[in-house]
Amino acid sequence: MGAGNALFFLVNVLFDLFMGALLLRVLLQLVRADFYNPLSQLVWKITNPLAQPLRPLVPRYRNLDTATLLVLFVVAVIYIGVVGWMLGAAVSLPLMVWFALLKCIVLAINLYTLTLFVQAILSWMGPGGRNPAADILWSLNEPLLKPVRRFIPPIGGFDLSPLVVMLALQVLIRLVPLPMLFR
């Protein structure tokens, strides 16, 4: 049982990290983050072996890297299949596709929650400091934070918009009907 749990944990972590990198690639291109940033380059190099071959076949839509999005979805379907197999749960193909879509949504919500949390911590540690992580996080999170700042301006020098957005994301994730074993 212990080795099975360890293997299950390892499979979950590896799939989540790779799917997170694929999603991050899509999002960084969508928000036009600095391509030459070291973190952007890391994400690019990790995801390029699977995403690059599809780029000539799957056209982009504006800033949306549809080839990488397709790879993300296929990896999510494989993840659902592998987890279902490991747990002995028979999951039909239509259900695998549905759960894969929900998994991508949960992954995006978790990714944004994590990036907002890290950005808040970085702002407390070295306010005004410049580093590659802060630049990427700002590019990624600003589209979510900017609309909230219109309604909730900084109070006494504290920007509460990340807290409001993280709270909204946590409410939203609870509305996604993905079974816990696939989260």
N, C-alpha and C. Protein backbone atom coordinates (compact mmCIF):
# COMPACT_ATOMS: atom_id res chain seq x y z
N MET A 1 0.83 -1.20 0.00
CA MET A 1 0.00 0.00 0.00
C MET A 1 0.86 1.26 0.00
N GLY A 2 1.96 1.26 0.78
CA GLY A 2 2.84 2.43 0.87
C GLY A 2 3.49 2.75 -0.45
N ALA A 3 3.98 1.70 -1.17
CA ALA A 3 4.61 1.93 -2.47
C ALA A 3 3.58 2.40 -3.49
N GLY A 4 2.37 1.87 -3.42
CA GLY A 4 1.30 2.31 -4.32
C GLY A 4 0.95 3.76 -4.11
N ASN A 5 0.87 4.18 -2.83
CA ASN A 5 0.59 5.59 -2.53
C ASN A 5 1.70 6.50 -3.01
N ALA A 6 2.95 6.05 -2.84
CA ALA A 6 4.10 6.85 -3.29
C ALA A 6 4.09 6.99 -4.81
N LEU A 7 3.79 5.91 -5.50
CA LEU A 7 3.72 5.96 -6.96
C LEU A 7 2.58 6.86 -7.42
N PHE A 8 1.44 6.74 -6.79
CA PHE A 8 0.29 7.59 -7.12
C PHE A 8 0.65 9.06 -6.91
N PHE A 9 1.29 9.36 -5.80
CA PHE A 9 1.71 10.74 -5.51
C PHE A 9 2.68 11.24 -6.59
N LEU A 10 3.66 10.40 -6.95
CA LEU A 10 4.65 10.78 -7.95
C LEU A 10 4.00 11.04 -9.31
N VAL A 11 3.09 10.17 -9.71
CA VAL A 11 2.39 10.36 -10.99
C VAL A 11 1.60 11.67 -10.97
N ASN A 12 0.88 11.93 -9.88
CA ASN A 12 0.12 13.18 -9.76
C ASN A 12 1.01 14.40 -9.86
N VAL A 13 2.11 14.39 -9.13
CA VAL A 13 3.01 15.54 -9.11
C VAL A 13 3.64 15.78 -10.48
N LEU A 14 4.12 14.71 -11.12
CA LEU A 14 4.76 14.88 -12.42
C LEU A 14 3.78 15.38 -13.48
N PHE A 15 2.59 14.81 -13.50
CA PHE A 15 1.58 15.29 -14.46
C PHE A 15 1.20 16.73 -14.16
N ASP A 16 0.96 17.06 -12.89
CA ASP A 16 0.57 18.43 -12.54
C ASP A 16 1.65 19.44 -12.89
N LEU A 17 2.91 19.09 -12.65
CA LEU A 17 4.00 20.02 -12.99
C LEU A 17 4.09 20.24 -14.50
N PHE A 18 4.00 19.15 -15.26
CA PHE A 18 4.10 19.31 -16.71
C PHE A 18 2.88 20.04 -17.27
N MET A 19 1.69 19.69 -16.80
CA MET A 19 0.50 20.41 -17.27
C MET A 19 0.56 21.87 -16.85
N GLY A 20 1.09 22.14 -15.66
CA GLY A 20 1.25 23.52 -15.21
C GLY A 20 2.20 24.29 -16.11
N ALA A 21 3.29 23.64 -16.54
CA ALA A 21 4.24 24.29 -17.44
C ALA A 21 3.58 24.58 -18.79
N LEU A 22 2.80 23.62 -19.30
CA LEU A 22 2.08 23.84 -20.57
C LEU A 22 1.10 25.00 -20.44
N LEU A 23 0.34 25.02 -19.35
CA LEU A 23 -0.62 26.10 -19.13
C LEU A 23 0.09 27.44 -18.98
N LEU A 24 1.20 27.44 -18.27
CA LEU A 24 1.98 28.66 -18.09
C LEU A 24 2.49 29.18 -19.44
N ARG A 25 2.89 28.28 -20.31
CA ARG A 25 3.33 28.69 -21.65
C ARG A 25 2.20 29.39 -22.39
N VAL A 26 1.02 28.80 -22.33
CA VAL A 26 -0.14 29.40 -23.01
C VAL A 26 -0.45 30.77 -22.41
N LEU A 27 -0.47 30.85 -21.09
CA LEU A 27 -0.82 32.10 -20.42
C LEU A 27 0.22 33.19 -20.63
N LEU A 28 1.49 32.82 -20.59
CA LEU A 28 2.55 33.82 -20.79
C LEU A 28 2.48 34.41 -22.19
N GLN A 29 2.16 33.59 -23.18
CA GLN A 29 2.00 34.12 -24.53
C GLN A 29 0.74 34.96 -24.65
N LEU A 30 -0.30 34.54 -23.95
CA LEU A 30 -1.57 35.27 -24.00
C LEU A 30 -1.43 36.68 -23.44
N VAL A 31 -0.66 36.83 -22.36
CA VAL A 31 -0.50 38.15 -21.75
C VAL A 31 0.72 38.89 -22.30
N ARG A 32 1.40 38.28 -23.27
CA ARG A 32 2.57 38.87 -23.91
C ARG A 32 3.69 39.17 -22.91
N ALA A 33 3.96 38.21 -22.07
CA ALA A 33 5.06 38.36 -21.11
C ALA A 33 6.39 38.34 -21.86
N ASP A 34 7.41 38.85 -21.22
CA ASP A 34 8.75 38.94 -21.81
C ASP A 34 9.26 37.54 -22.15
N PHE A 35 9.43 37.29 -23.44
CA PHE A 35 9.89 35.98 -23.91
C PHE A 35 11.31 35.68 -23.45
N TYR A 36 12.13 36.71 -23.30
CA TYR A 36 13.54 36.53 -22.96
C TYR A 36 13.80 36.46 -21.46
N ASN A 37 12.76 36.55 -20.67
CA ASN A 37 12.89 36.38 -19.22
C ASN A 37 13.35 34.96 -18.96
N PRO A 38 14.28 34.76 -18.01
CA PRO A 38 14.78 33.39 -17.74
C PRO A 38 13.67 32.40 -17.39
N LEU A 39 12.64 32.84 -16.67
CA LEU A 39 11.55 31.92 -16.34
C LEU A 39 10.72 31.56 -17.57
N SER A 40 10.51 32.53 -18.45
CA SER A 40 9.81 32.24 -19.71
C SER A 40 10.61 31.25 -20.54
N GLN A 41 11.91 31.44 -20.57
CA GLN A 41 12.77 30.53 -21.33
C GLN A 41 12.73 29.12 -20.76
N LEU A 42 12.70 29.00 -19.42
CA LEU A 42 12.60 27.68 -18.79
C LEU A 42 11.31 26.98 -19.19
N VAL A 43 10.20 27.69 -19.10
CA VAL A 43 8.90 27.12 -19.48
C VAL A 43 8.92 26.73 -20.95
N TRP A 44 9.49 27.58 -21.78
CA TRP A 44 9.55 27.32 -23.21
C TRP A 44 10.34 26.04 -23.48
N LYS A 45 11.49 25.88 -22.84
CA LYS A 45 12.34 24.71 -23.09
C LYS A 45 11.73 23.42 -22.57
N ILE A 46 11.00 23.50 -21.47
CA ILE A 46 10.36 22.30 -20.91
C ILE A 46 9.23 21.83 -21.82
N THR A 47 8.49 22.77 -22.38
CA THR A 47 7.29 22.41 -23.14
C THR A 47 7.52 22.28 -24.64
N ASN A 48 8.61 22.78 -25.13
CA ASN A 48 8.85 22.81 -26.56
C ASN A 48 8.87 21.44 -27.24
N PRO A 49 9.44 20.39 -26.63
CA PRO A 49 9.46 19.10 -27.35
C PRO A 49 8.08 18.58 -27.76
N LEU A 50 7.05 18.84 -26.98
CA LEU A 50 5.71 18.38 -27.36
C LEU A 50 4.92 19.43 -28.13
N ALA A 51 5.13 20.69 -27.83
CA ALA A 51 4.32 21.74 -28.45
C ALA A 51 4.83 22.13 -29.84
N GLN A 52 6.12 22.18 -30.02
CA GLN A 52 6.70 22.66 -31.28
C GLN A 52 6.27 21.86 -32.50
N PRO A 53 6.25 20.52 -32.45
CA PRO A 53 5.86 19.78 -33.66
C PRO A 53 4.44 20.08 -34.14
N LEU A 54 3.55 20.49 -33.23
CA LEU A 54 2.17 20.76 -33.62
C LEU A 54 1.95 22.18 -34.15
N ARG A 55 2.89 23.07 -33.89
CA ARG A 55 2.69 24.47 -34.26
C ARG A 55 2.42 24.68 -35.76
N PRO A 56 3.10 23.96 -36.66
CA PRO A 56 2.77 24.15 -38.08
C PRO A 56 1.39 23.60 -38.46
N LEU A 57 0.90 22.63 -37.67
CA LEU A 57 -0.37 21.97 -37.99
C LEU A 57 -1.58 22.65 -37.36
N VAL A 58 -1.38 23.26 -36.20
CA VAL A 58 -2.50 23.88 -35.47
C VAL A 58 -2.27 25.39 -35.46
N PRO A 59 -3.12 26.13 -36.16
CA PRO A 59 -2.90 27.58 -36.25
C PRO A 59 -3.17 28.30 -34.92
N ARG A 60 -2.45 29.39 -34.74
CA ARG A 60 -2.67 30.25 -33.57
C ARG A 60 -3.96 31.03 -33.78
N TYR A 61 -4.54 31.46 -32.68
CA TYR A 61 -5.66 32.39 -32.75
C TYR A 61 -5.25 33.62 -31.95
N ARG A 62 -4.88 34.67 -32.65
CA ARG A 62 -4.35 35.89 -32.03
C ARG A 62 -3.18 35.54 -31.13
N ASN A 63 -3.27 35.81 -29.83
CA ASN A 63 -2.17 35.49 -28.91
C ASN A 63 -2.31 34.11 -28.29
N LEU A 64 -3.30 33.35 -28.67
CA LEU A 64 -3.55 32.05 -28.06
C LEU A 64 -2.79 30.95 -28.80
N ASP A 65 -1.89 30.31 -28.09
CA ASP A 65 -1.10 29.21 -28.62
C ASP A 65 -1.96 27.94 -28.58
N THR A 66 -2.73 27.74 -29.63
CA THR A 66 -3.68 26.63 -29.65
C THR A 66 -2.99 25.27 -29.72
N ALA A 67 -1.80 25.22 -30.30
CA ALA A 67 -1.06 23.94 -30.35
C ALA A 67 -0.71 23.48 -28.94
N THR A 68 -0.19 24.40 -28.12
CA THR A 68 0.15 24.04 -26.75
C THR A 68 -1.10 23.74 -25.94
N LEU A 69 -2.17 24.47 -26.21
CA LEU A 69 -3.44 24.21 -25.53
C LEU A 69 -3.95 22.81 -25.86
N LEU A 70 -3.79 22.41 -27.10
CA LEU A 70 -4.18 21.06 -27.51
C LEU A 70 -3.32 20.00 -26.81
N VAL A 71 -2.01 20.25 -26.73
CA VAL A 71 -1.13 19.32 -26.03
C VAL A 71 -1.53 19.23 -24.56
N LEU A 72 -1.83 20.37 -23.94
CA LEU A 72 -2.27 20.38 -22.54
C LEU A 72 -3.52 19.52 -22.37
N PHE A 73 -4.48 19.67 -23.26
CA PHE A 73 -5.72 18.91 -23.15
C PHE A 73 -5.48 17.41 -23.32
N VAL A 74 -4.63 17.04 -24.29
CA VAL A 74 -4.33 15.62 -24.51
C VAL A 74 -3.60 15.04 -23.29
N VAL A 75 -2.66 15.79 -22.73
CA VAL A 75 -1.96 15.32 -21.53
C VAL A 75 -2.94 15.18 -20.37
N ALA A 76 -3.91 16.09 -20.27
CA ALA A 76 -4.92 16.00 -19.21
C ALA A 76 -5.79 14.76 -19.39
N VAL A 77 -6.15 14.43 -20.62
CA VAL A 77 -6.93 13.21 -20.88
C VAL A 77 -6.11 11.98 -20.48
N ILE A 78 -4.83 11.98 -20.84
CA ILE A 78 -3.95 10.87 -20.46
C ILE A 78 -3.85 10.77 -18.94
N TYR A 79 -3.74 11.92 -18.28
CA TYR A 79 -3.67 11.94 -16.82
C TYR A 79 -4.92 11.31 -16.20
N ILE A 80 -6.09 11.70 -16.70
CA ILE A 80 -7.35 11.14 -16.17
C ILE A 80 -7.36 9.62 -16.39
N GLY A 81 -6.93 9.18 -17.56
CA GLY A 81 -6.89 7.75 -17.84
C GLY A 81 -5.93 7.00 -16.93
N VAL A 82 -4.74 7.56 -16.71
CA VAL A 82 -3.74 6.91 -15.87
C VAL A 82 -4.21 6.85 -14.42
N VAL A 83 -4.74 7.96 -13.91
CA VAL A 83 -5.21 7.99 -12.52
C VAL A 83 -6.39 7.02 -12.35
N GLY A 84 -7.30 7.03 -13.31
CA GLY A 84 -8.43 6.09 -13.25
C GLY A 84 -7.95 4.65 -13.24
N TRP A 85 -6.98 4.34 -14.10
CA TRP A 85 -6.41 2.99 -14.16
C TRP A 85 -5.72 2.62 -12.85
N MET A 86 -4.94 3.57 -12.28
CA MET A 86 -4.22 3.29 -11.03
C MET A 86 -5.18 3.03 -9.87
N LEU A 87 -6.33 3.68 -9.91
CA LEU A 87 -7.30 3.51 -8.83
C LEU A 87 -8.33 2.43 -9.13
N GLY A 88 -8.22 1.82 -10.30
CA GLY A 88 -9.15 0.75 -10.65
C GLY A 88 -10.53 1.25 -11.01
N ALA A 89 -10.63 2.52 -11.40
CA ALA A 89 -11.92 3.11 -11.77
C ALA A 89 -12.04 3.11 -13.30
N ALA A 90 -13.08 2.51 -13.80
CA ALA A 90 -13.32 2.51 -15.24
C ALA A 90 -13.95 3.86 -15.62
N VAL A 91 -13.24 4.62 -16.44
CA VAL A 91 -13.72 5.93 -16.86
C VAL A 91 -13.91 5.89 -18.37
N SER A 92 -15.12 6.16 -18.83
CA SER A 92 -15.39 6.14 -20.26
C SER A 92 -14.70 7.32 -20.95
N LEU A 93 -14.51 7.21 -22.26
CA LEU A 93 -13.82 8.26 -23.01
C LEU A 93 -14.53 9.62 -22.90
N PRO A 94 -15.87 9.68 -23.07
CA PRO A 94 -16.52 10.99 -22.92
C PRO A 94 -16.32 11.58 -21.52
N LEU A 95 -16.35 10.73 -20.50
CA LEU A 95 -16.13 11.21 -19.14
C LEU A 95 -14.68 11.64 -18.95
N MET A 96 -13.73 10.93 -19.58
CA MET A 96 -12.33 11.33 -19.51
C MET A 96 -12.13 12.71 -20.13
N VAL A 97 -12.78 12.96 -21.26
CA VAL A 97 -12.66 14.25 -21.93
C VAL A 97 -13.26 15.35 -21.04
N TRP A 98 -14.41 15.09 -20.44
CA TRP A 98 -15.06 16.06 -19.55
C TRP A 98 -14.19 16.35 -18.33
N PHE A 99 -13.69 15.28 -17.71
CA PHE A 99 -12.83 15.45 -16.53
C PHE A 99 -11.52 16.16 -16.89
N ALA A 100 -11.00 15.91 -18.10
CA ALA A 100 -9.78 16.58 -18.54
C ALA A 100 -10.01 18.08 -18.68
N LEU A 101 -11.16 18.45 -19.22
CA LEU A 101 -11.50 19.87 -19.33
C LEU A 101 -11.60 20.50 -17.94
N LEU A 102 -12.27 19.82 -17.04
CA LEU A 102 -12.40 20.32 -15.66
C LEU A 102 -11.04 20.37 -14.98
N LYS A 103 -10.18 19.39 -15.24
CA LYS A 103 -8.83 19.38 -14.66
C LYS A 103 -8.05 20.61 -15.13
N CYS A 104 -8.18 20.97 -16.40
CA CYS A 104 -7.49 22.16 -16.92
C CYS A 104 -7.99 23.43 -16.24
N ILE A 105 -9.29 23.49 -15.98
CA ILE A 105 -9.86 24.65 -15.28
C ILE A 105 -9.33 24.72 -13.86
N VAL A 106 -9.34 23.58 -13.16
CA VAL A 106 -8.83 23.53 -11.78
C VAL A 106 -7.35 23.90 -11.77
N LEU A 107 -6.60 23.41 -12.73
CA LEU A 107 -5.18 23.71 -12.82
C LEU A 107 -4.95 25.21 -13.01
N ALA A 108 -5.75 25.83 -13.88
CA ALA A 108 -5.61 27.27 -14.11
C ALA A 108 -5.92 28.06 -12.84
N ILE A 109 -6.97 27.68 -12.14
CA ILE A 109 -7.33 28.38 -10.90
C ILE A 109 -6.23 28.21 -9.86
N ASN A 110 -5.73 26.99 -9.71
CA ASN A 110 -4.65 26.75 -8.75
C ASN A 110 -3.38 27.50 -9.14
N LEU A 111 -3.07 27.54 -10.43
CA LEU A 111 -1.88 28.25 -10.89
C LEU A 111 -1.98 29.74 -10.58
N TYR A 112 -3.14 30.32 -10.87
CA TYR A 112 -3.31 31.75 -10.59
C TYR A 112 -3.29 32.02 -9.08
N THR A 113 -3.87 31.14 -8.29
CA THR A 113 -3.83 31.32 -6.84
C THR A 113 -2.40 31.30 -6.35
N LEU A 114 -1.62 30.35 -6.83
CA LEU A 114 -0.22 30.24 -6.43
C LEU A 114 0.58 31.47 -6.88
N THR A 115 0.40 31.90 -8.12
CA THR A 115 1.17 33.05 -8.60
C THR A 115 0.81 34.33 -7.86
N LEU A 116 -0.47 34.49 -7.53
CA LEU A 116 -0.87 35.66 -6.74
C LEU A 116 -0.27 35.63 -5.34
N PHE A 117 -0.24 34.46 -4.74
CA PHE A 117 0.34 34.30 -3.41
C PHE A 117 1.84 34.61 -3.43
N VAL A 118 2.54 34.06 -4.42
CA VAL A 118 3.99 34.30 -4.52
C VAL A 118 4.27 35.76 -4.81
N GLN A 119 3.46 36.38 -5.67
CA GLN A 119 3.65 37.80 -5.97
C GLN A 119 3.45 38.65 -4.71
N ALA A 120 2.46 38.31 -3.90
CA ALA A 120 2.23 39.05 -2.66
C ALA A 120 3.41 38.89 -1.71
N ILE A 121 3.91 37.68 -1.58
CA ILE A 121 5.07 37.44 -0.71
C ILE A 121 6.29 38.21 -1.21
N LEU A 122 6.54 38.16 -2.52
CA LEU A 122 7.68 38.89 -3.07
C LEU A 122 7.55 40.39 -2.84
N SER A 123 6.33 40.91 -2.90
CA SER A 123 6.15 42.35 -2.69
C SER A 123 6.43 42.73 -1.24
N TRP A 124 6.22 41.81 -0.31
CA TRP A 124 6.51 42.10 1.10
C TRP A 124 8.00 41.99 1.37
N MET A 125 8.65 41.02 0.72
CA MET A 125 10.08 40.78 0.97
C MET A 125 10.96 41.91 0.46
N GLY A 126 10.71 42.32 -0.75
CA GLY A 126 11.56 43.36 -1.33
C GLY A 126 10.74 44.29 -2.18
N PRO A 127 9.95 45.16 -1.54
CA PRO A 127 9.10 46.04 -2.34
C PRO A 127 9.95 46.93 -3.25
N GLY A 128 9.53 47.02 -4.47
CA GLY A 128 10.23 47.85 -5.44
C GLY A 128 11.42 47.14 -6.07
N GLY A 129 11.79 45.98 -5.57
CA GLY A 129 12.91 45.24 -6.13
C GLY A 129 12.54 44.61 -7.45
N ARG A 130 13.51 44.45 -8.30
CA ARG A 130 13.26 43.87 -9.61
C ARG A 130 13.95 42.51 -9.68
N ASN A 131 13.21 41.52 -10.08
CA ASN A 131 13.79 40.21 -10.37
C ASN A 131 12.94 39.54 -11.44
N PRO A 132 13.49 38.54 -12.11
CA PRO A 132 12.76 37.91 -13.21
C PRO A 132 11.41 37.33 -12.79
N ALA A 133 11.34 36.75 -11.59
CA ALA A 133 10.08 36.16 -11.14
C ALA A 133 9.02 37.23 -10.96
N ALA A 134 9.38 38.35 -10.35
CA ALA A 134 8.41 39.42 -10.11
C ALA A 134 7.87 39.98 -11.43
N ASP A 135 8.75 40.11 -12.41
CA ASP A 135 8.31 40.64 -13.71
C ASP A 135 7.30 39.72 -14.38
N ILE A 136 7.59 38.41 -14.36
CA ILE A 136 6.67 37.44 -14.97
C ILE A 136 5.35 37.39 -14.20
N LEU A 137 5.44 37.37 -12.88
CA LEU A 137 4.22 37.32 -12.07
C LEU A 137 3.36 38.55 -12.29
N TRP A 138 3.99 39.71 -12.41
CA TRP A 138 3.23 40.93 -12.66
C TRP A 138 2.53 40.82 -14.01
N SER A 139 3.25 40.39 -15.05
CA SER A 139 2.64 40.25 -16.38
C SER A 139 1.47 39.28 -16.36
N LEU A 140 1.63 38.21 -15.61
CA LEU A 140 0.60 37.17 -15.57
C LEU A 140 -0.62 37.59 -14.76
N ASN A 141 -0.39 38.25 -13.62
CA ASN A 141 -1.49 38.54 -12.69
C ASN A 141 -2.16 39.89 -12.90
N GLU A 142 -1.50 40.81 -13.53
CA GLU A 142 -2.07 42.15 -13.67
C GLU A 142 -3.42 42.16 -14.38
N PRO A 143 -3.64 41.33 -15.42
CA PRO A 143 -4.97 41.32 -16.04
C PRO A 143 -6.09 40.93 -15.07
N LEU A 144 -5.79 40.15 -14.04
CA LEU A 144 -6.80 39.80 -13.03
C LEU A 144 -6.94 40.89 -11.97
N LEU A 145 -5.82 41.51 -11.61
CA LEU A 145 -5.82 42.46 -10.50
C LEU A 145 -6.33 43.85 -10.91
N LYS A 146 -6.04 44.26 -12.11
CA LYS A 146 -6.38 45.62 -12.55
C LYS A 146 -7.88 45.94 -12.43
N PRO A 147 -8.78 45.06 -12.89
CA PRO A 147 -10.22 45.38 -12.75
C PRO A 147 -10.65 45.48 -11.28
N VAL A 148 -10.06 44.67 -10.42
CA VAL A 148 -10.43 44.70 -8.99
C VAL A 148 -9.96 46.00 -8.35
N ARG A 149 -8.81 46.50 -8.78
CA ARG A 149 -8.28 47.75 -8.21
C ARG A 149 -9.17 48.95 -8.53
N ARG A 150 -9.96 48.86 -9.58
CA ARG A 150 -10.90 49.96 -9.88
C ARG A 150 -11.96 50.09 -8.80
N PHE A 151 -12.33 48.94 -8.20
CA PHE A 151 -13.37 48.96 -7.17
C PHE A 151 -12.80 49.02 -5.76
N ILE A 152 -11.61 48.44 -5.58
CA ILE A 152 -10.99 48.42 -4.25
C ILE A 152 -9.58 49.00 -4.39
N PRO A 153 -9.46 50.32 -4.25
CA PRO A 153 -8.12 50.92 -4.36
C PRO A 153 -7.27 50.56 -3.14
N PRO A 154 -5.96 50.74 -3.23
CA PRO A 154 -5.11 50.47 -2.07
C PRO A 154 -5.57 51.27 -0.85
N ILE A 155 -5.57 50.61 0.30
CA ILE A 155 -6.02 51.24 1.55
C ILE A 155 -4.81 51.35 2.47
N GLY A 156 -4.43 52.57 2.78
CA GLY A 156 -3.29 52.79 3.66
C GLY A 156 -2.00 52.19 3.12
N GLY A 157 -1.84 52.17 1.81
CA GLY A 157 -0.64 51.62 1.21
C GLY A 157 -0.70 50.12 0.97
N PHE A 158 -1.78 49.47 1.39
CA PHE A 158 -1.93 48.02 1.19
C PHE A 158 -2.85 47.75 0.01
N ASP A 159 -2.35 46.96 -0.93
CA ASP A 159 -3.14 46.56 -2.09
C ASP A 159 -3.88 45.27 -1.72
N LEU A 160 -5.19 45.36 -1.56
CA LEU A 160 -5.99 44.21 -1.17
C LEU A 160 -6.53 43.42 -2.37
N SER A 161 -6.24 43.89 -3.59
CA SER A 161 -6.77 43.21 -4.76
C SER A 161 -6.31 41.76 -4.88
N PRO A 162 -5.05 41.40 -4.55
CA PRO A 162 -4.70 39.97 -4.62
C PRO A 162 -5.53 39.11 -3.67
N LEU A 163 -5.82 39.63 -2.50
CA LEU A 163 -6.63 38.88 -1.53
C LEU A 163 -8.04 38.66 -2.07
N VAL A 164 -8.62 39.69 -2.66
CA VAL A 164 -9.97 39.59 -3.21
C VAL A 164 -10.01 38.59 -4.37
N VAL A 165 -9.00 38.66 -5.24
CA VAL A 165 -8.96 37.75 -6.39
C VAL A 165 -8.73 36.31 -5.93
N MET A 166 -7.82 36.10 -4.97
CA MET A 166 -7.59 34.74 -4.47
C MET A 166 -8.85 34.18 -3.80
N LEU A 167 -9.56 35.01 -3.07
CA LEU A 167 -10.81 34.57 -2.45
C LEU A 167 -11.83 34.17 -3.53
N ALA A 168 -11.95 34.99 -4.56
CA ALA A 168 -12.87 34.68 -5.65
C ALA A 168 -12.47 33.39 -6.37
N LEU A 169 -11.17 33.19 -6.56
CA LEU A 169 -10.69 31.96 -7.20
C LEU A 169 -11.00 30.73 -6.35
N GLN A 170 -10.88 30.85 -5.04
CA GLN A 170 -11.17 29.73 -4.16
C GLN A 170 -12.66 29.40 -4.14
N VAL A 171 -13.49 30.41 -4.25
CA VAL A 171 -14.94 30.16 -4.37
C VAL A 171 -15.22 29.47 -5.70
N LEU A 172 -14.60 29.96 -6.74
CA LEU A 172 -14.81 29.41 -8.08
C LEU A 172 -14.38 27.94 -8.17
N ILE A 173 -13.24 27.61 -7.56
CA ILE A 173 -12.73 26.23 -7.65
C ILE A 173 -13.67 25.25 -6.96
N ARG A 174 -14.39 25.72 -5.97
CA ARG A 174 -15.33 24.85 -5.28
C ARG A 174 -16.58 24.58 -6.12
N LEU A 175 -16.78 25.36 -7.15
CA LEU A 175 -17.93 25.17 -8.04
C LEU A 175 -17.62 24.22 -9.20
N VAL A 176 -16.35 23.88 -9.38
CA VAL A 176 -15.97 22.98 -10.48
C VAL A 176 -16.27 21.54 -10.05
N PRO A 177 -17.12 20.83 -10.80
CA PRO A 177 -17.55 19.48 -10.38
C PRO A 177 -16.57 18.36 -10.72
N LEU A 178 -15.28 18.57 -10.47
CA LEU A 178 -14.29 17.54 -10.71
C LEU A 178 -14.14 16.67 -9.47
N PRO A 179 -14.27 15.34 -9.62
CA PRO A 179 -14.10 14.46 -8.45
C PRO A 179 -12.74 14.65 -7.80
N MET A 180 -12.68 14.51 -6.49
CA MET A 180 -11.45 14.77 -5.73
C MET A 180 -10.28 13.88 -6.18
N LEU A 181 -10.54 12.67 -6.61
CA LEU A 181 -9.43 11.80 -6.98
C LEU A 181 -8.69 12.29 -8.20
N PHE A 182 -9.28 13.20 -8.98
CA PHE A 182 -8.62 13.74 -10.16
C PHE A 182 -8.05 15.14 -9.94
N ARG A 183 -8.26 15.70 -8.77
CA ARG A 183 -7.75 17.05 -8.50
C ARG A 183 -6.28 16.97 -8.25
